[in-house]
mmCIF file of all heavy atoms, coordinates in Angstrom:
data_MODEL
# 
_entry.id   MODEL 
# 
loop_
_atom_site.group_PDB 
_atom_site.id 
_atom_site.type_symbol 
_atom_site.label_atom_id 
_atom_site.label_alt_id 
_atom_site.label_comp_id 
_atom_site.label_asym_id 
_atom_site.label_entity_id 
_atom_site.label_seq_id 
_atom_site.pdbx_PDB_ins_code 
_atom_site.Cartn_x 
_atom_site.Cartn_y 
_atom_site.Cartn_z 
_atom_site.occupancy 
_atom_site.B_iso_or_equiv 
_atom_site.pdbx_formal_charge 
_atom_site.auth_seq_id 
_atom_site.auth_comp_id 
_atom_site.auth_asym_id 
_atom_site.auth_atom_id 
_atom_site.pdbx_PDB_model_num 
ATOM 1   N N   . ALA A 1 1  ? 50.675 -13.781 -51.415 1.00 0.00 ? 1  ALA A N   1 
ATOM 2   C CA  . ALA A 1 1  ? 51.277 -12.484 -51.560 1.00 0.00 ? 1  ALA A CA  1 
ATOM 3   C C   . ALA A 1 1  ? 50.626 -11.558 -50.615 1.00 0.00 ? 1  ALA A C   1 
ATOM 4   O O   . ALA A 1 1  ? 51.325 -10.756 -50.073 1.00 0.00 ? 1  ALA A O   1 
ATOM 5   C CB  . ALA A 1 1  ? 51.206 -12.053 -53.087 1.00 0.00 ? 1  ALA A CB  1 
ATOM 6   N N   . LEU A 1 2  ? 49.356 -11.598 -50.544 1.00 0.00 ? 2  LEU A N   1 
ATOM 7   C CA  . LEU A 1 2  ? 48.566 -10.662 -49.722 1.00 0.00 ? 2  LEU A CA  1 
ATOM 8   C C   . LEU A 1 2  ? 49.145 -10.644 -48.236 1.00 0.00 ? 2  LEU A C   1 
ATOM 9   O O   . LEU A 1 2  ? 49.248 -9.533  -47.582 1.00 0.00 ? 2  LEU A O   1 
ATOM 10  C CB  . LEU A 1 2  ? 47.057 -10.766 -49.644 1.00 0.00 ? 2  LEU A CB  1 
ATOM 11  C CG  . LEU A 1 2  ? 46.187 -10.011 -48.867 1.00 0.00 ? 2  LEU A CG  1 
ATOM 12  C CD1 . LEU A 1 2  ? 46.389 -8.491  -49.286 1.00 0.00 ? 2  LEU A CD1 1 
ATOM 13  C CD2 . LEU A 1 2  ? 44.728 -10.369 -48.968 1.00 0.00 ? 2  LEU A CD2 1 
ATOM 14  N N   . ASN A 1 3  ? 49.480 -11.786 -47.609 1.00 0.00 ? 3  ASN A N   1 
ATOM 15  C CA  . ASN A 1 3  ? 50.013 -11.815 -46.382 1.00 0.00 ? 3  ASN A CA  1 
ATOM 16  C C   . ASN A 1 3  ? 51.214 -11.101 -46.080 1.00 0.00 ? 3  ASN A C   1 
ATOM 17  O O   . ASN A 1 3  ? 51.612 -10.701 -45.034 1.00 0.00 ? 3  ASN A O   1 
ATOM 18  C CB  . ASN A 1 3  ? 50.187 -13.357 -45.904 1.00 0.00 ? 3  ASN A CB  1 
ATOM 19  C CG  . ASN A 1 3  ? 50.412 -13.494 -44.373 1.00 0.00 ? 3  ASN A CG  1 
ATOM 20  O OD1 . ASN A 1 3  ? 49.584 -12.980 -43.570 1.00 0.00 ? 3  ASN A OD1 1 
ATOM 21  N ND2 . ASN A 1 3  ? 51.565 -13.988 -44.080 1.00 0.00 ? 3  ASN A ND2 1 
ATOM 22  N N   . CYS A 1 4  ? 51.955 -10.826 -47.176 1.00 0.00 ? 4  CYS A N   1 
ATOM 23  C CA  . CYS A 1 4  ? 53.279 -10.082 -47.133 1.00 0.00 ? 4  CYS A CA  1 
ATOM 24  C C   . CYS A 1 4  ? 53.036 -8.590  -46.972 1.00 0.00 ? 4  CYS A C   1 
ATOM 25  O O   . CYS A 1 4  ? 53.978 -7.895  -46.659 1.00 0.00 ? 4  CYS A O   1 
ATOM 26  C CB  . CYS A 1 4  ? 54.116 -10.370 -48.322 1.00 0.00 ? 4  CYS A CB  1 
ATOM 27  S SG  . CYS A 1 4  ? 54.624 -12.191 -48.425 1.00 0.00 ? 4  CYS A SG  1 
ATOM 28  N N   . PHE A 1 5  ? 51.877 -8.103  -47.430 1.00 0.00 ? 5  PHE A N   1 
ATOM 29  C CA  . PHE A 1 5  ? 51.742 -6.678  -47.537 1.00 0.00 ? 5  PHE A CA  1 
ATOM 30  C C   . PHE A 1 5  ? 51.060 -6.142  -46.187 1.00 0.00 ? 5  PHE A C   1 
ATOM 31  O O   . PHE A 1 5  ? 50.066 -5.734  -46.057 1.00 0.00 ? 5  PHE A O   1 
ATOM 32  C CB  . PHE A 1 5  ? 50.723 -6.245  -48.640 1.00 0.00 ? 5  PHE A CB  1 
ATOM 33  C CG  . PHE A 1 5  ? 51.226 -6.693  -50.047 1.00 0.00 ? 5  PHE A CG  1 
ATOM 34  C CD1 . PHE A 1 5  ? 50.418 -7.413  -50.856 1.00 0.00 ? 5  PHE A CD1 1 
ATOM 35  C CD2 . PHE A 1 5  ? 52.476 -6.375  -50.354 1.00 0.00 ? 5  PHE A CD2 1 
ATOM 36  C CE1 . PHE A 1 5  ? 50.949 -7.830  -52.162 1.00 0.00 ? 5  PHE A CE1 1 
ATOM 37  C CE2 . PHE A 1 5  ? 52.946 -6.717  -51.702 1.00 0.00 ? 5  PHE A CE2 1 
ATOM 38  C CZ  . PHE A 1 5  ? 52.216 -7.464  -52.497 1.00 0.00 ? 5  PHE A CZ  1 
ATOM 39  N N   . ARG A 1 6  ? 51.961 -6.240  -45.174 1.00 0.00 ? 6  ARG A N   1 
ATOM 40  C CA  . ARG A 1 6  ? 51.702 -5.688  -43.839 1.00 0.00 ? 6  ARG A CA  1 
ATOM 41  C C   . ARG A 1 6  ? 52.799 -5.592  -42.910 1.00 0.00 ? 6  ARG A C   1 
ATOM 42  O O   . ARG A 1 6  ? 53.829 -6.182  -43.080 1.00 0.00 ? 6  ARG A O   1 
ATOM 43  C CB  . ARG A 1 6  ? 50.497 -6.675  -43.277 1.00 0.00 ? 6  ARG A CB  1 
ATOM 44  C CG  . ARG A 1 6  ? 51.010 -8.065  -42.951 1.00 0.00 ? 6  ARG A CG  1 
ATOM 45  C CD  . ARG A 1 6  ? 50.031 -8.810  -42.057 1.00 0.00 ? 6  ARG A CD  1 
ATOM 46  N NE  . ARG A 1 6  ? 50.238 -10.259 -42.065 1.00 0.00 ? 6  ARG A NE  1 
ATOM 47  C CZ  . ARG A 1 6  ? 49.847 -11.029 -41.137 1.00 0.00 ? 6  ARG A CZ  1 
ATOM 48  N NH1 . ARG A 1 6  ? 49.197 -10.497 -40.131 1.00 0.00 ? 6  ARG A NH1 1 
ATOM 49  N NH2 . ARG A 1 6  ? 49.959 -12.354 -41.212 1.00 0.00 ? 6  ARG A NH2 1 
ATOM 50  N N   . ARG A 1 7  ? 52.511 -4.650  -42.072 1.00 0.00 ? 7  ARG A N   1 
ATOM 51  C CA  . ARG A 1 7  ? 53.651 -4.486  -41.012 1.00 0.00 ? 7  ARG A CA  1 
ATOM 52  C C   . ARG A 1 7  ? 53.407 -5.543  -39.863 1.00 0.00 ? 7  ARG A C   1 
ATOM 53  O O   . ARG A 1 7  ? 52.326 -6.051  -39.723 1.00 0.00 ? 7  ARG A O   1 
ATOM 54  C CB  . ARG A 1 7  ? 53.680 -3.078  -40.425 1.00 0.00 ? 7  ARG A CB  1 
ATOM 55  C CG  . ARG A 1 7  ? 54.108 -2.040  -41.409 1.00 0.00 ? 7  ARG A CG  1 
ATOM 56  C CD  . ARG A 1 7  ? 54.088 -0.623  -40.732 1.00 0.00 ? 7  ARG A CD  1 
ATOM 57  N NE  . ARG A 1 7  ? 54.828 0.257   -41.512 1.00 0.00 ? 7  ARG A NE  1 
ATOM 58  C CZ  . ARG A 1 7  ? 54.294 0.849   -42.658 1.00 0.00 ? 7  ARG A CZ  1 
ATOM 59  N NH1 . ARG A 1 7  ? 53.031 0.569   -42.924 1.00 0.00 ? 7  ARG A NH1 1 
ATOM 60  N NH2 . ARG A 1 7  ? 54.986 1.767   -43.346 1.00 0.00 ? 7  ARG A NH2 1 
ATOM 61  N N   . ALA A 1 8  ? 54.443 -5.741  -39.062 1.00 0.00 ? 8  ALA A N   1 
ATOM 62  C CA  . ALA A 1 8  ? 54.293 -6.789  -37.932 1.00 0.00 ? 8  ALA A CA  1 
ATOM 63  C C   . ALA A 1 8  ? 53.045 -6.367  -37.049 1.00 0.00 ? 8  ALA A C   1 
ATOM 64  O O   . ALA A 1 8  ? 52.870 -5.272  -36.622 1.00 0.00 ? 8  ALA A O   1 
ATOM 65  C CB  . ALA A 1 8  ? 55.536 -6.836  -37.184 1.00 0.00 ? 8  ALA A CB  1 
ATOM 66  N N   . GLY A 1 9  ? 52.261 -7.435  -36.808 1.00 0.00 ? 9  GLY A N   1 
ATOM 67  C CA  . GLY A 1 9  ? 51.117 -7.188  -35.942 1.00 0.00 ? 9  GLY A CA  1 
ATOM 68  C C   . GLY A 1 9  ? 50.074 -6.475  -36.608 1.00 0.00 ? 9  GLY A C   1 
ATOM 69  O O   . GLY A 1 9  ? 48.972 -6.400  -35.878 1.00 0.00 ? 9  GLY A O   1 
ATOM 70  N N   . GLU A 1 10 ? 49.949 -6.180  -37.787 1.00 0.00 ? 10 GLU A N   1 
ATOM 71  C CA  . GLU A 1 10 ? 48.787 -5.445  -38.447 1.00 0.00 ? 10 GLU A CA  1 
ATOM 72  C C   . GLU A 1 10 ? 48.199 -6.448  -39.519 1.00 0.00 ? 10 GLU A C   1 
ATOM 73  O O   . GLU A 1 10 ? 48.866 -7.393  -39.935 1.00 0.00 ? 10 GLU A O   1 
ATOM 74  C CB  . GLU A 1 10 ? 49.372 -4.214  -39.170 1.00 0.00 ? 10 GLU A CB  1 
ATOM 75  C CG  . GLU A 1 10 ? 49.844 -3.178  -38.102 1.00 0.00 ? 10 GLU A CG  1 
ATOM 76  C CD  . GLU A 1 10 ? 50.163 -1.835  -38.801 1.00 0.00 ? 10 GLU A CD  1 
ATOM 77  O OE1 . GLU A 1 10 ? 49.896 -1.741  -39.984 1.00 0.00 ? 10 GLU A OE1 1 
ATOM 78  O OE2 . GLU A 1 10 ? 50.737 -0.965  -38.156 1.00 0.00 ? 10 GLU A OE2 1 
ATOM 79  N N   . ARG A 1 11 ? 46.974 -6.020  -39.908 1.00 0.00 ? 11 ARG A N   1 
ATOM 80  C CA  . ARG A 1 11 ? 46.286 -6.866  -40.956 1.00 0.00 ? 11 ARG A CA  1 
ATOM 81  C C   . ARG A 1 11 ? 46.828 -6.522  -42.329 1.00 0.00 ? 11 ARG A C   1 
ATOM 82  O O   . ARG A 1 11 ? 47.321 -5.451  -42.475 1.00 0.00 ? 11 ARG A O   1 
ATOM 83  C CB  . ARG A 1 11 ? 44.783 -6.762  -40.813 1.00 0.00 ? 11 ARG A CB  1 
ATOM 84  C CG  . ARG A 1 11 ? 44.383 -5.282  -41.235 1.00 0.00 ? 11 ARG A CG  1 
ATOM 85  C CD  . ARG A 1 11 ? 42.935 -5.229  -41.152 1.00 0.00 ? 11 ARG A CD  1 
ATOM 86  N NE  . ARG A 1 11 ? 42.371 -3.796  -41.375 1.00 0.00 ? 11 ARG A NE  1 
ATOM 87  C CZ  . ARG A 1 11 ? 41.245 -3.464  -41.477 1.00 0.00 ? 11 ARG A CZ  1 
ATOM 88  N NH1 . ARG A 1 11 ? 40.178 -4.484  -41.385 1.00 0.00 ? 11 ARG A NH1 1 
ATOM 89  N NH2 . ARG A 1 11 ? 40.762 -2.138  -41.634 1.00 0.00 ? 11 ARG A NH2 1 
ATOM 90  N N   . PRO A 1 12 ? 46.728 -7.462  -43.310 1.00 0.00 ? 12 PRO A N   1 
ATOM 91  C CA  . PRO A 1 12 ? 47.242 -7.153  -44.656 1.00 0.00 ? 12 PRO A CA  1 
ATOM 92  C C   . PRO A 1 12 ? 46.491 -6.071  -45.282 1.00 0.00 ? 12 PRO A C   1 
ATOM 93  O O   . PRO A 1 12 ? 45.295 -5.826  -44.998 1.00 0.00 ? 12 PRO A O   1 
ATOM 94  C CB  . PRO A 1 12 ? 46.992 -8.505  -45.372 1.00 0.00 ? 12 PRO A CB  1 
ATOM 95  C CG  . PRO A 1 12 ? 46.860 -9.589  -44.358 1.00 0.00 ? 12 PRO A CG  1 
ATOM 96  C CD  . PRO A 1 12 ? 46.367 -8.905  -43.047 1.00 0.00 ? 12 PRO A CD  1 
ATOM 97  N N   . VAL A 1 13 ? 47.202 -5.371  -46.225 1.00 0.00 ? 13 VAL A N   1 
ATOM 98  C CA  . VAL A 1 13 ? 46.555 -4.268  -46.942 1.00 0.00 ? 13 VAL A CA  1 
ATOM 99  C C   . VAL A 1 13 ? 46.539 -4.414  -48.384 1.00 0.00 ? 13 VAL A C   1 
ATOM 100 O O   . VAL A 1 13 ? 47.660 -4.671  -49.000 1.00 0.00 ? 13 VAL A O   1 
ATOM 101 C CB  . VAL A 1 13 ? 47.276 -2.814  -46.593 1.00 0.00 ? 13 VAL A CB  1 
ATOM 102 C CG1 . VAL A 1 13 ? 46.661 -1.786  -47.488 1.00 0.00 ? 13 VAL A CG1 1 
ATOM 103 C CG2 . VAL A 1 13 ? 47.118 -2.595  -45.113 1.00 0.00 ? 13 VAL A CG2 1 
ATOM 104 N N   . PRO A 1 14 ? 45.511 -4.639  -49.057 1.00 0.00 ? 14 PRO A N   1 
ATOM 105 C CA  . PRO A 1 14 ? 45.497 -4.957  -50.465 1.00 0.00 ? 14 PRO A CA  1 
ATOM 106 C C   . PRO A 1 14 ? 46.215 -3.858  -51.364 1.00 0.00 ? 14 PRO A C   1 
ATOM 107 O O   . PRO A 1 14 ? 45.868 -2.682  -51.103 1.00 0.00 ? 14 PRO A O   1 
ATOM 108 C CB  . PRO A 1 14 ? 44.034 -5.083  -50.876 1.00 0.00 ? 14 PRO A CB  1 
ATOM 109 C CG  . PRO A 1 14 ? 43.349 -5.322  -49.638 1.00 0.00 ? 14 PRO A CG  1 
ATOM 110 C CD  . PRO A 1 14 ? 44.132 -4.508  -48.548 1.00 0.00 ? 14 PRO A CD  1 
ATOM 111 N N   . PRO A 1 15 ? 47.183 -4.207  -52.155 1.00 0.00 ? 15 PRO A N   1 
ATOM 112 C CA  . PRO A 1 15 ? 47.862 -3.190  -52.979 1.00 0.00 ? 15 PRO A CA  1 
ATOM 113 C C   . PRO A 1 15 ? 47.100 -2.832  -54.266 1.00 0.00 ? 15 PRO A C   1 
ATOM 114 O O   . PRO A 1 15 ? 47.499 -3.088  -55.316 1.00 0.00 ? 15 PRO A O   1 
ATOM 115 C CB  . PRO A 1 15 ? 49.180 -3.947  -53.270 1.00 0.00 ? 15 PRO A CB  1 
ATOM 116 C CG  . PRO A 1 15 ? 48.812 -5.473  -53.388 1.00 0.00 ? 15 PRO A CG  1 
ATOM 117 C CD  . PRO A 1 15 ? 47.651 -5.617  -52.334 1.00 0.00 ? 15 PRO A CD  1 
ATOM 118 N N   . VAL A 1 16 ? 45.970 -2.310  -54.026 1.00 0.00 ? 16 VAL A N   1 
ATOM 119 C CA  . VAL A 1 16 ? 45.015 -1.941  -55.121 1.00 0.00 ? 16 VAL A CA  1 
ATOM 120 C C   . VAL A 1 16 ? 44.687 -3.214  -55.796 1.00 0.00 ? 16 VAL A C   1 
ATOM 121 O O   . VAL A 1 16 ? 44.625 -4.270  -55.274 1.00 0.00 ? 16 VAL A O   1 
ATOM 122 C CB  . VAL A 1 16 ? 45.500 -0.804  -55.983 1.00 0.00 ? 16 VAL A CB  1 
ATOM 123 C CG1 . VAL A 1 16 ? 44.386 -0.175  -56.816 1.00 0.00 ? 16 VAL A CG1 1 
ATOM 124 C CG2 . VAL A 1 16 ? 46.158 0.315   -55.197 1.00 0.00 ? 16 VAL A CG2 1 
ATOM 125 N N   . ASN A 1 17 ? 44.700 -3.191  -57.180 1.00 0.00 ? 17 ASN A N   1 
ATOM 126 C CA  . ASN A 1 17 ? 44.648 -4.579  -57.959 1.00 0.00 ? 17 ASN A CA  1 
ATOM 127 C C   . ASN A 1 17 ? 45.688 -4.774  -58.968 1.00 0.00 ? 17 ASN A C   1 
ATOM 128 O O   . ASN A 1 17 ? 45.390 -5.213  -60.049 1.00 0.00 ? 17 ASN A O   1 
ATOM 129 C CB  . ASN A 1 17 ? 43.196 -4.540  -58.649 1.00 0.00 ? 17 ASN A CB  1 
ATOM 130 C CG  . ASN A 1 17 ? 43.073 -3.563  -59.802 1.00 0.00 ? 17 ASN A CG  1 
ATOM 131 O OD1 . ASN A 1 17 ? 43.644 -2.490  -59.630 1.00 0.00 ? 17 ASN A OD1 1 
ATOM 132 N ND2 . ASN A 1 17 ? 42.490 -3.924  -60.766 1.00 0.00 ? 17 ASN A ND2 1 
ATOM 133 N N   . VAL A 1 18 ? 46.932 -4.325  -58.607 1.00 0.00 ? 18 VAL A N   1 
ATOM 134 C CA  . VAL A 1 18 ? 48.037 -4.325  -59.447 1.00 0.00 ? 18 VAL A CA  1 
ATOM 135 C C   . VAL A 1 18 ? 48.796 -5.607  -59.575 1.00 0.00 ? 18 VAL A C   1 
ATOM 136 O O   . VAL A 1 18 ? 49.281 -6.004  -60.570 1.00 0.00 ? 18 VAL A O   1 
ATOM 137 C CB  . VAL A 1 18 ? 48.987 -3.076  -59.294 1.00 0.00 ? 18 VAL A CB  1 
ATOM 138 C CG1 . VAL A 1 18 ? 48.293 -1.894  -59.486 1.00 0.00 ? 18 VAL A CG1 1 
ATOM 139 C CG2 . VAL A 1 18 ? 49.625 -3.213  -57.914 1.00 0.00 ? 18 VAL A CG2 1 
ATOM 140 N N   . VAL A 1 19 ? 48.747 -6.305  -58.430 1.00 0.00 ? 19 VAL A N   1 
ATOM 141 C CA  . VAL A 1 19 ? 49.538 -7.635  -58.240 1.00 0.00 ? 19 VAL A CA  1 
ATOM 142 C C   . VAL A 1 19 ? 48.910 -8.716  -58.922 1.00 0.00 ? 19 VAL A C   1 
ATOM 143 O O   . VAL A 1 19 ? 49.634 -9.491  -59.694 1.00 0.00 ? 19 VAL A O   1 
ATOM 144 C CB  . VAL A 1 19 ? 49.943 -7.913  -56.820 1.00 0.00 ? 19 VAL A CB  1 
ATOM 145 C CG1 . VAL A 1 19 ? 50.608 -9.240  -56.751 1.00 0.00 ? 19 VAL A CG1 1 
ATOM 146 C CG2 . VAL A 1 19 ? 50.713 -6.722  -56.138 1.00 0.00 ? 19 VAL A CG2 1 
ATOM 147 N N   . GLY A 1 20 ? 47.632 -8.860  -58.763 1.00 0.00 ? 20 GLY A N   1 
ATOM 148 C CA  . GLY A 1 20 ? 46.803 -9.968  -59.419 1.00 0.00 ? 20 GLY A CA  1 
ATOM 149 C C   . GLY A 1 20 ? 46.463 -9.604  -60.763 1.00 0.00 ? 20 GLY A C   1 
ATOM 150 O O   . GLY A 1 20 ? 46.753 -10.310 -61.791 1.00 0.00 ? 20 GLY A O   1 
ATOM 151 N N   . ASP A 1 21 ? 45.467 -8.646  -60.840 1.00 0.00 ? 21 ASP A N   1 
ATOM 152 C CA  . ASP A 1 21 ? 44.892 -8.333  -62.168 1.00 0.00 ? 21 ASP A CA  1 
ATOM 153 C C   . ASP A 1 21 ? 46.052 -7.894  -63.283 1.00 0.00 ? 21 ASP A C   1 
ATOM 154 O O   . ASP A 1 21 ? 45.967 -8.366  -64.306 1.00 0.00 ? 21 ASP A O   1 
ATOM 155 C CB  . ASP A 1 21 ? 43.894 -7.172  -62.011 1.00 0.00 ? 21 ASP A CB  1 
ATOM 156 C CG  . ASP A 1 21 ? 42.568 -7.662  -61.595 1.00 0.00 ? 21 ASP A CG  1 
ATOM 157 O OD1 . ASP A 1 21 ? 42.407 -8.934  -61.382 1.00 0.00 ? 21 ASP A OD1 1 
ATOM 158 O OD2 . ASP A 1 21 ? 41.756 -6.829  -61.186 1.00 0.00 ? 21 ASP A OD2 1 
ATOM 159 N N   . MET A 1 22 ? 46.801 -6.897  -62.878 1.00 0.00 ? 22 MET A N   1 
ATOM 160 C CA  . MET A 1 22 ? 47.610 -6.273  -63.917 1.00 0.00 ? 22 MET A CA  1 
ATOM 161 C C   . MET A 1 22 ? 48.950 -7.018  -64.047 1.00 0.00 ? 22 MET A C   1 
ATOM 162 O O   . MET A 1 22 ? 49.402 -7.425  -65.155 1.00 0.00 ? 22 MET A O   1 
ATOM 163 C CB  . MET A 1 22 ? 47.848 -4.833  -63.577 1.00 0.00 ? 22 MET A CB  1 
ATOM 164 C CG  . MET A 1 22 ? 46.544 -4.081  -63.253 1.00 0.00 ? 22 MET A CG  1 
ATOM 165 S SD  . MET A 1 22 ? 45.376 -4.328  -64.638 1.00 0.00 ? 22 MET A SD  1 
ATOM 166 C CE  . MET A 1 22 ? 43.928 -3.634  -63.848 1.00 0.00 ? 22 MET A CE  1 
ATOM 167 N N   . GLY A 1 23 ? 49.761 -7.165  -62.876 1.00 0.00 ? 23 GLY A N   1 
ATOM 168 C CA  . GLY A 1 23 ? 51.039 -7.856  -63.084 1.00 0.00 ? 23 GLY A CA  1 
ATOM 169 C C   . GLY A 1 23 ? 50.857 -9.333  -63.272 1.00 0.00 ? 23 GLY A C   1 
ATOM 170 O O   . GLY A 1 23 ? 51.421 -9.927  -64.252 1.00 0.00 ? 23 GLY A O   1 
ATOM 171 N N   . GLY A 1 24 ? 50.093 -9.998  -62.430 1.00 0.00 ? 24 GLY A N   1 
ATOM 172 C CA  . GLY A 1 24 ? 49.940 -11.479 -62.502 1.00 0.00 ? 24 GLY A CA  1 
ATOM 173 C C   . GLY A 1 24 ? 48.975 -11.984 -63.592 1.00 0.00 ? 24 GLY A C   1 
ATOM 174 O O   . GLY A 1 24 ? 49.036 -13.080 -64.011 1.00 0.00 ? 24 GLY A O   1 
ATOM 175 N N   . GLY A 1 25 ? 48.208 -10.889 -64.102 1.00 0.00 ? 25 GLY A N   1 
ATOM 176 C CA  . GLY A 1 25 ? 47.256 -11.296 -65.185 1.00 0.00 ? 25 GLY A CA  1 
ATOM 177 C C   . GLY A 1 25 ? 47.651 -10.775 -66.513 1.00 0.00 ? 25 GLY A C   1 
ATOM 178 O O   . GLY A 1 25 ? 48.024 -11.458 -67.424 1.00 0.00 ? 25 GLY A O   1 
ATOM 179 N N   . GLY A 1 26 ? 47.399 -9.430  -66.690 1.00 0.00 ? 26 GLY A N   1 
ATOM 180 C CA  . GLY A 1 26 ? 47.420 -8.728  -67.964 1.00 0.00 ? 26 GLY A CA  1 
ATOM 181 C C   . GLY A 1 26 ? 48.816 -8.799  -68.528 1.00 0.00 ? 26 GLY A C   1 
ATOM 182 O O   . GLY A 1 26 ? 49.002 -9.167  -69.705 1.00 0.00 ? 26 GLY A O   1 
# 
């Protein structure tokens, strides 16, 4: 998932901790 959070040619930007901890976890 992290690799998807970026524009072309830029490094990934973590979407705070909502995708793993909260959505994927809690």
